Amino acid sequence: MTEGSAPHLSPARITVLGIQPGNPPFRIVEVDGEFVGRAMSMTDVLLIAAEAGVPIHDLDDLDVVRWVGGGKFTWTLH
């Protein structure tokens, strides 16, 4: 077995978790595994991360942001 056979987990400091039911629905944002806020849009993710001291310059950079349960355009329950 080689080291490359293990699944790659992003070293991203920001994790945006799947959609949570609510009015409106939201996504939990974590920095370094700690809850830092609830986002209802991409803008919220940027603001929450900046407040936590981790500015995001590219929401598609997997070394910075890891999207769980849907990408940056997923903000409603299906």
PDB file of N, CA and C in Angstrom:
ATOM      1  N   MET A   1       0.843  -1.177   0.000  1.00  0.00           N
ATOM      2  CA  MET A   1       0.000   0.000   0.000  1.00  0.00           C
ATOM      3  C   MET A   1       0.889   1.240   0.000  1.00  0.00           C
ATOM      4  N   THR A   2       0.567   2.194  -0.826  1.00  0.00           N
ATOM      5  CA  THR A   2       1.372   3.401  -0.909  1.00  0.00           C
ATOM      6  C   THR A   2       0.684   4.542  -0.179  1.00  0.00           C
ATOM      7  N   GLU A   3       1.477   5.564   0.115  1.00  0.00           N
ATOM      8  CA  GLU A   3       0.909   6.730   0.794  1.00  0.00           C
ATOM      9  C   GLU A   3      -0.141   7.423  -0.059  1.00  0.00           C
ATOM     10  N   GLY A   4      -0.005   7.357  -1.376  1.00  0.00           N
ATOM     11  CA  GLY A   4      -0.924   8.017  -2.282  1.00  0.00           C
ATOM     12  C   GLY A   4      -2.292   7.368  -2.354  1.00  0.00           C
ATOM     13  N   SER A   5      -2.474   6.204  -1.735  1.00  0.00           N
ATOM     14  CA  SER A   5      -3.765   5.530  -1.828  1.00  0.00           C
ATOM     15  C   SER A   5      -4.791   6.062  -0.837  1.00  0.00           C
ATOM     16  N   ALA A   6      -4.351   6.811   0.160  1.00  0.00           N
ATOM     17  CA  ALA A   6      -5.280   7.384   1.132  1.00  0.00           C
ATOM     18  C   ALA A   6      -6.001   8.572   0.504  1.00  0.00           C
ATOM     19  N   PRO A   7      -7.275   8.793   0.856  1.00  0.00           N
ATOM     20  CA  PRO A   7      -7.984   9.944   0.308  1.00  0.00           C
ATOM     21  C   PRO A   7      -7.315  11.242   0.734  1.00  0.00           C
ATOM     22  N   HIS A   8      -7.295  12.213  -0.157  1.00  0.00           N
ATOM     23  CA  HIS A   8      -6.685  13.507   0.141  1.00  0.00           C
ATOM     24  C   HIS A   8      -7.699  14.405   0.831  1.00  0.00           C
ATOM     25  N   LEU A   9      -7.337  14.865   2.003  1.00  0.00           N
ATOM     26  CA  LEU A   9      -8.156  15.854   2.681  1.00  0.00           C
ATOM     27  C   LEU A   9      -7.448  17.195   2.559  1.00  0.00           C
ATOM     28  N   SER A  10      -8.188  18.187   2.183  1.00  0.00           N
ATOM     29  CA  SER A  10      -7.626  19.511   1.990  1.00  0.00           C
ATOM     30  C   SER A  10      -7.066  20.051   3.301  1.00  0.00           C
ATOM     31  N   PRO A  11      -5.924  20.708   3.217  1.00  0.00           N
ATOM     32  CA  PRO A  11      -5.382  21.341   4.416  1.00  0.00           C
ATOM     33  C   PRO A  11      -6.049  22.682   4.708  1.00  0.00           C
ATOM     34  N   ALA A  12      -7.155  22.948   4.031  1.00  0.00           N
ATOM     35  CA  ALA A  12      -7.821  24.241   4.147  1.00  0.00           C
ATOM     36  C   ALA A  12      -8.131  24.590   5.597  1.00  0.00           C
ATOM     37  N   ARG A  13      -7.914  25.849   5.936  1.00  0.00           N
ATOM     38  CA  ARG A  13      -8.239  26.327   7.286  1.00  0.00           C
ATOM     39  C   ARG A  13      -9.722  26.599   7.434  1.00  0.00           C
ATOM     40  N   ILE A  14     -10.395  26.952   6.316  1.00  0.00           N
ATOM     41  CA  ILE A  14     -11.822  27.257   6.336  1.00  0.00           C
ATOM     42  C   ILE A  14     -12.595  26.047   5.835  1.00  0.00           C
ATOM     43  N   THR A  15     -13.588  25.616   6.591  1.00  0.00           N
ATOM     44  CA  THR A  15     -14.490  24.551   6.151  1.00  0.00           C
ATOM     45  C   THR A  15     -15.906  25.096   6.193  1.00  0.00           C
ATOM     46  N   VAL A  16     -16.608  24.929   5.067  1.00  0.00           N
ATOM     47  CA  VAL A  16     -18.006  25.343   4.991  1.00  0.00           C
ATOM     48  C   VAL A  16     -18.828  24.060   4.912  1.00  0.00           C
ATOM     49  N   LEU A  17     -19.596  23.785   5.951  1.00  0.00           N
ATOM     50  CA  LEU A  17     -20.347  22.540   6.047  1.00  0.00           C
ATOM     51  C   LEU A  17     -21.655  22.610   5.267  1.00  0.00           C
ATOM     52  N   GLY A  18     -22.310  21.465   5.148  1.00  0.00           N
ATOM     53  CA  GLY A  18     -23.552  21.359   4.381  1.00  0.00           C
ATOM     54  C   GLY A  18     -24.672  22.229   4.919  1.00  0.00           C
ATOM     55  N   ILE A  19     -25.695  22.350   4.110  1.00  0.00           N
ATOM     56  CA  ILE A  19     -26.834  23.222   4.422  1.00  0.00           C
ATOM     57  C   ILE A  19     -27.618  22.689   5.618  1.00  0.00           C
ATOM     58  N   GLN A  20     -27.938  23.620   6.509  1.00  0.00           N
ATOM     59  CA  GLN A  20     -28.751  23.323   7.683  1.00  0.00           C
ATOM     60  C   GLN A  20     -30.139  23.925   7.469  1.00  0.00           C
ATOM     61  N   PRO A  21     -31.186  23.187   7.858  1.00  0.00           N
ATOM     62  CA  PRO A  21     -32.524  23.747   7.701  1.00  0.00           C
ATOM     63  C   PRO A  21     -32.715  24.947   8.612  1.00  0.00           C
ATOM     64  N   GLY A  22     -33.386  25.907   8.123  1.00  0.00           N
ATOM     65  CA  GLY A  22     -33.668  27.118   8.889  1.00  0.00           C
ATOM     66  C   GLY A  22     -34.425  28.086   8.004  1.00  0.00           C
ATOM     67  N   ASN A  23     -34.762  29.217   8.548  1.00  0.00           N
ATOM     68  CA  ASN A  23     -35.450  30.217   7.764  1.00  0.00           C
ATOM     69  C   ASN A  23     -34.683  31.529   7.897  1.00  0.00           C
ATOM     70  N   PRO A  24     -33.727  31.780   6.997  1.00  0.00           N
ATOM     71  CA  PRO A  24     -33.352  31.001   5.810  1.00  0.00           C
ATOM     72  C   PRO A  24     -32.366  29.886   6.167  1.00  0.00           C
ATOM     73  N   PRO A  25     -32.192  28.924   5.230  1.00  0.00           N
ATOM     74  CA  PRO A  25     -31.188  27.873   5.437  1.00  0.00           C
ATOM     75  C   PRO A  25     -29.799  28.513   5.555  1.00  0.00           C
ATOM     76  N   PHE A  26     -28.892  27.833   6.230  1.00  0.00           N
ATOM     77  CA  PHE A  26     -27.551  28.373   6.441  1.00  0.00           C
ATOM     78  C   PHE A  26     -26.523  27.252   6.388  1.00  0.00           C
ATOM     79  N   ARG A  27     -25.263  27.635   6.329  1.00  0.00           N
ATOM     80  CA  ARG A  27     -24.154  26.686   6.373  1.00  0.00           C
ATOM     81  C   ARG A  27     -23.222  27.104   7.499  1.00  0.00           C
ATOM     82  N   ILE A  28     -22.742  26.148   8.247  1.00  0.00           N
ATOM     83  CA  ILE A  28     -21.818  26.403   9.342  1.00  0.00           C
ATOM     84  C   ILE A  28     -20.418  26.608   8.767  1.00  0.00           C
ATOM     85  N   VAL A  29     -19.721  27.611   9.289  1.00  0.00           N
ATOM     86  CA  VAL A  29     -18.354  27.900   8.867  1.00  0.00           C
ATOM     87  C   VAL A  29     -17.424  27.613  10.042  1.00  0.00           C
ATOM     88  N   GLU A  30     -16.383  26.840   9.757  1.00  0.00           N
ATOM     89  CA  GLU A  30     -15.372  26.522  10.766  1.00  0.00           C
ATOM     90  C   GLU A  30     -14.017  27.051  10.313  1.00  0.00           C
ATOM     91  N   VAL A  31     -13.219  27.480  11.269  1.00  0.00           N
ATOM     92  CA  VAL A  31     -11.824  27.827  11.029  1.00  0.00           C
ATOM     93  C   VAL A  31     -10.992  26.929  11.927  1.00  0.00           C
ATOM     94  N   ASP A  32     -10.088  26.190  11.318  1.00  0.00           N
ATOM     95  CA  ASP A  32      -9.236  25.256  12.063  1.00  0.00           C
ATOM     96  C   ASP A  32     -10.064  24.321  12.945  1.00  0.00           C
ATOM     97  N   GLY A  33     -11.236  23.896  12.431  1.00  0.00           N
ATOM     98  CA  GLY A  33     -12.077  22.939  13.134  1.00  0.00           C
ATOM     99  C   GLY A  33     -12.979  23.526  14.199  1.00  0.00           C
ATOM    100  N   GLU A  34     -12.944  24.828  14.384  1.00  0.00           N
ATOM    101  CA  GLU A  34     -13.763  25.488  15.401  1.00  0.00           C
ATOM    102  C   GLU A  34     -14.892  26.268  14.741  1.00  0.00           C
ATOM    103  N   PHE A  35     -16.092  26.171  15.299  1.00  0.00           N
ATOM    104  CA  PHE A  35     -17.238  26.939  14.808  1.00  0.00           C
ATOM    105  C   PHE A  35     -16.947  28.432  14.924  1.00  0.00           C
ATOM    106  N   VAL A  36     -17.153  29.167  13.809  1.00  0.00           N
ATOM    107  CA  VAL A  36     -16.968  30.617  13.868  1.00  0.00           C
ATOM    108  C   VAL A  36     -18.195  31.391  13.399  1.00  0.00           C
ATOM    109  N   GLY A  37     -19.148  30.708  12.753  1.00  0.00           N
ATOM    110  CA  GLY A  37     -20.336  31.430  12.337  1.00  0.00           C
ATOM    111  C   GLY A  37     -21.239  30.658  11.399  1.00  0.00           C
ATOM    112  N   ARG A  38     -22.356  31.297  11.069  1.00  0.00           N
ATOM    113  CA  ARG A  38     -23.350  30.754  10.134  1.00  0.00           C
ATOM    114  C   ARG A  38     -23.362  31.635   8.904  1.00  0.00           C
ATOM    115  N   ALA A  39     -23.282  31.006   7.741  1.00  0.00           N
ATOM    116  CA  ALA A  39     -23.303  31.753   6.485  1.00  0.00           C
ATOM    117  C   ALA A  39     -24.574  31.439   5.717  1.00  0.00           C
ATOM    118  N   MET A  40     -25.130  32.476   5.105  1.00  0.00           N
ATOM    119  CA  MET A  40     -26.298  32.298   4.253  1.00  0.00           C
ATOM    120  C   MET A  40     -25.972  32.629   2.807  1.00  0.00           C
ATOM    121  N   SER A  41     -24.688  32.978   2.549  1.00  0.00           N
ATOM    122  CA  SER A  41     -24.246  33.311   1.198  1.00  0.00           C
ATOM    123  C   SER A  41     -22.722  33.252   1.139  1.00  0.00           C
ATOM    124  N   MET A  42     -22.195  33.319  -0.090  1.00  0.00           N
ATOM    125  CA  MET A  42     -20.742  33.369  -0.265  1.00  0.00           C
ATOM    126  C   MET A  42     -20.154  34.591   0.430  1.00  0.00           C
ATOM    127  N   THR A  43     -20.862  35.696   0.381  1.00  0.00           N
ATOM    128  CA  THR A  43     -20.385  36.919   1.021  1.00  0.00           C
ATOM    129  C   THR A  43     -20.227  36.714   2.518  1.00  0.00           C
ATOM    130  N   ASP A  44     -21.185  36.014   3.124  1.00  0.00           N
ATOM    131  CA  ASP A  44     -21.088  35.721   4.561  1.00  0.00           C
ATOM    132  C   ASP A  44     -19.829  34.916   4.866  1.00  0.00           C
ATOM    133  N   VAL A  45     -19.500  33.949   4.008  1.00  0.00           N
ATOM    134  CA  VAL A  45     -18.293  33.140   4.227  1.00  0.00           C
ATOM    135  C   VAL A  45     -17.067  34.045   4.224  1.00  0.00           C
ATOM    136  N   LEU A  46     -16.985  34.947   3.255  1.00  0.00           N
ATOM    137  CA  LEU A  46     -15.852  35.871   3.171  1.00  0.00           C
ATOM    138  C   LEU A  46     -15.753  36.754   4.410  1.00  0.00           C
ATOM    139  N   LEU A  47     -16.878  37.289   4.852  1.00  0.00           N
ATOM    140  CA  LEU A  47     -16.888  38.170   6.021  1.00  0.00           C
ATOM    141  C   LEU A  47     -16.531  37.425   7.305  1.00  0.00           C
ATOM    142  N   ILE A  48     -17.107  36.243   7.489  1.00  0.00           N
ATOM    143  CA  ILE A  48     -16.832  35.441   8.694  1.00  0.00           C
ATOM    144  C   ILE A  48     -15.360  35.062   8.751  1.00  0.00           C
ATOM    145  N   ALA A  49     -14.825  34.626   7.620  1.00  0.00           N
ATOM    146  CA  ALA A  49     -13.413  34.237   7.579  1.00  0.00           C
ATOM    147  C   ALA A  49     -12.509  35.436   7.881  1.00  0.00           C
ATOM    148  N   ALA A  50     -12.813  36.583   7.295  1.00  0.00           N
ATOM    149  CA  ALA A  50     -12.004  37.778   7.537  1.00  0.00           C
ATOM    150  C   ALA A  50     -12.039  38.179   9.010  1.00  0.00           C
ATOM    151  N   GLU A  51     -13.219  38.091   9.619  1.00  0.00           N
ATOM    152  CA  GLU A  51     -13.341  38.419  11.051  1.00  0.00           C
ATOM    153  C   GLU A  51     -12.519  37.460  11.908  1.00  0.00           C
ATOM    154  N   ALA A  52     -12.366  36.225  11.429  1.00  0.00           N
ATOM    155  CA  ALA A  52     -11.576  35.233  12.160  1.00  0.00           C
ATOM    156  C   ALA A  52     -10.085  35.356  11.836  1.00  0.00           C
ATOM    157  N   GLY A  53      -9.737  36.318  10.971  1.00  0.00           N
ATOM    158  CA  GLY A  53      -8.328  36.545  10.654  1.00  0.00           C
ATOM    159  C   GLY A  53      -7.792  35.716   9.510  1.00  0.00           C
ATOM    160  N   VAL A  54      -8.687  35.125   8.714  1.00  0.00           N
ATOM    161  CA  VAL A  54      -8.277  34.314   7.574  1.00  0.00           C
ATOM    162  C   VAL A  54      -8.938  34.871   6.314  1.00  0.00           C
ATOM    163  N   PRO A  55      -8.309  35.848   5.669  1.00  0.00           N
ATOM    164  CA  PRO A  55      -8.913  36.398   4.461  1.00  0.00           C
ATOM    165  C   PRO A  55      -8.910  35.370   3.332  1.00  0.00           C
ATOM    166  N   ILE A  56      -9.982  35.355   2.554  1.00  0.00           N
ATOM    167  CA  ILE A  56     -10.101  34.456   1.409  1.00  0.00           C
ATOM    168  C   ILE A  56     -10.046  35.309   0.153  1.00  0.00           C
ATOM    169  N   HIS A  57      -9.127  34.982  -0.743  1.00  0.00           N
ATOM    170  CA  HIS A  57      -9.005  35.717  -2.000  1.00  0.00           C
ATOM    171  C   HIS A  57      -9.626  34.962  -3.163  1.00  0.00           C
ATOM    172  N   ASP A  58      -9.829  33.639  -2.984  1.00  0.00           N
ATOM    173  CA  ASP A  58     -10.383  32.814  -4.065  1.00  0.00           C
ATOM    174  C   ASP A  58     -11.191  31.684  -3.435  1.00  0.00           C
ATOM    175  N   LEU A  59     -12.507  31.739  -3.572  1.00  0.00           N
ATOM    176  CA  LEU A  59     -13.381  30.712  -2.990  1.00  0.00           C
ATOM    177  C   LEU A  59     -13.208  29.349  -3.650  1.00  0.00           C
ATOM    178  N   ASP A  60     -12.522  29.284  -4.792  1.00  0.00           N
ATOM    179  CA  ASP A  60     -12.277  28.015  -5.478  1.00  0.00           C
ATOM    180  C   ASP A  60     -10.942  27.400  -5.094  1.00  0.00           C
ATOM    181  N   ASP A  61     -10.151  28.068  -4.263  1.00  0.00           N
ATOM    182  CA  ASP A  61      -8.843  27.558  -3.864  1.00  0.00           C
ATOM    183  C   ASP A  61      -9.025  26.522  -2.753  1.00  0.00           C
ATOM    184  N   LEU A  62      -8.864  25.251  -3.113  1.00  0.00           N
ATOM    185  CA  LEU A  62      -9.093  24.161  -2.160  1.00  0.00           C
ATOM    186  C   LEU A  62      -8.055  24.113  -1.042  1.00  0.00           C
ATOM    187  N   ASP A  63      -6.963  24.849  -1.190  1.00  0.00           N
ATOM    188  CA  ASP A  63      -5.992  24.942  -0.113  1.00  0.00           C
ATOM    189  C   ASP A  63      -6.442  25.942   0.947  1.00  0.00           C
ATOM    190  N   VAL A  64      -7.463  26.732   0.629  1.00  0.00           N
ATOM    191  CA  VAL A  64      -7.960  27.748   1.559  1.00  0.00           C
ATOM    192  C   VAL A  64      -9.344  27.389   2.095  1.00  0.00           C
ATOM    193  N   VAL A  65     -10.249  26.960   1.197  1.00  0.00           N
ATOM    194  CA  VAL A  65     -11.630  26.669   1.577  1.00  0.00           C
ATOM    195  C   VAL A  65     -12.004  25.251   1.166  1.00  0.00           C
ATOM    196  N   ARG A  66     -12.583  24.507   2.106  1.00  0.00           N
ATOM    197  CA  ARG A  66     -13.108  23.177   1.796  1.00  0.00           C
ATOM    198  C   ARG A  66     -14.619  23.253   1.920  1.00  0.00           C
ATOM    199  N   TRP A  67     -15.306  22.904   0.817  1.00  0.00           N
ATOM    200  CA  TRP A  67     -16.772  22.918   0.779  1.00  0.00           C
ATOM    201  C   TRP A  67     -17.278  21.499   1.012  1.00  0.00           C
ATOM    202  N   VAL A  68     -18.125  21.320   2.005  1.00  0.00           N
ATOM    203  CA  VAL A  68     -18.671  20.010   2.349  1.00  0.00           C
ATOM    204  C   VAL A  68     -20.177  20.047   2.107  1.00  0.00           C
ATOM    205  N   GLY A  69     -20.687  19.078   1.366  1.00  0.00           N
ATOM    206  CA  GLY A  69     -22.140  19.016   1.148  1.00  0.00           C
ATOM    207  C   GLY A  69     -22.642  20.024   0.140  1.00  0.00           C
ATOM    208  N   GLY A  70     -21.817  20.363  -0.817  1.00  0.00           N
ATOM    209  CA  GLY A  70     -22.209  21.312  -1.866  1.00  0.00           C
ATOM    210  C   GLY A  70     -21.190  22.408  -2.000  1.00  0.00           C
ATOM    211  N   GLY A  71     -21.059  22.944  -3.178  1.00  0.00           N
ATOM    212  CA  GLY A  71     -20.089  23.985  -3.467  1.00  0.00           C
ATOM    213  C   GLY A  71     -20.558  25.369  -3.092  1.00  0.00           C
ATOM    214  N   LYS A  72     -19.817  26.337  -3.573  1.00  0.00           N
ATOM    215  CA  LYS A  72     -20.077  27.726  -3.198  1.00  0.00           C
ATOM    216  C   LYS A  72     -21.413  28.275  -3.701  1.00  0.00           C
ATOM    217  N   PHE A  73     -22.024  27.589  -4.666  1.00  0.00           N
ATOM    218  CA  PHE A  73     -23.314  28.042  -5.176  1.00  0.00           C
ATOM    219  C   PHE A  73     -24.497  27.307  -4.533  1.00  0.00           C
ATOM    220  N   THR A  74     -24.244  26.442  -3.562  1.00  0.00           N
ATOM    221  CA  THR A  74     -25.296  25.636  -2.919  1.00  0.00           C
ATOM    222  C   THR A  74     -25.707  26.299  -1.611  1.00  0.00           C
ATOM    223  N   TRP A  75     -26.897  26.907  -1.630  1.00  0.00           N
ATOM    224  CA  TRP A  75     -27.368  27.619  -0.444  1.00  0.00           C
ATOM    225  C   TRP A  75     -28.798  27.291  -0.071  1.00  0.00           C
ATOM    226  N   THR A  76     -29.443  26.356  -0.777  1.00  0.00           N
ATOM    227  CA  THR A  76     -30.811  25.973  -0.427  1.00  0.00           C
ATOM    228  C   THR A  76     -30.892  24.446  -0.339  1.00  0.00           C
ATOM    229  N   LEU A  77     -31.829  23.969   0.466  1.00  0.00           N
ATOM    230  CA  LEU A  77     -32.085  22.528   0.553  1.00  0.00           C
ATOM    231  C   LEU A  77     -32.810  22.085  -0.698  1.00  0.00           C
ATOM    232  N   HIS A  78     -32.509  20.892  -1.141  1.00  0.00           N
ATOM    233  CA  HIS A  78     -33.166  20.378  -2.364  1.00  0.00           C
ATOM    234  C   HIS A  78     -34.316  19.483  -2.015  1.00  0.00           C
TER     235      HIS A  78
END
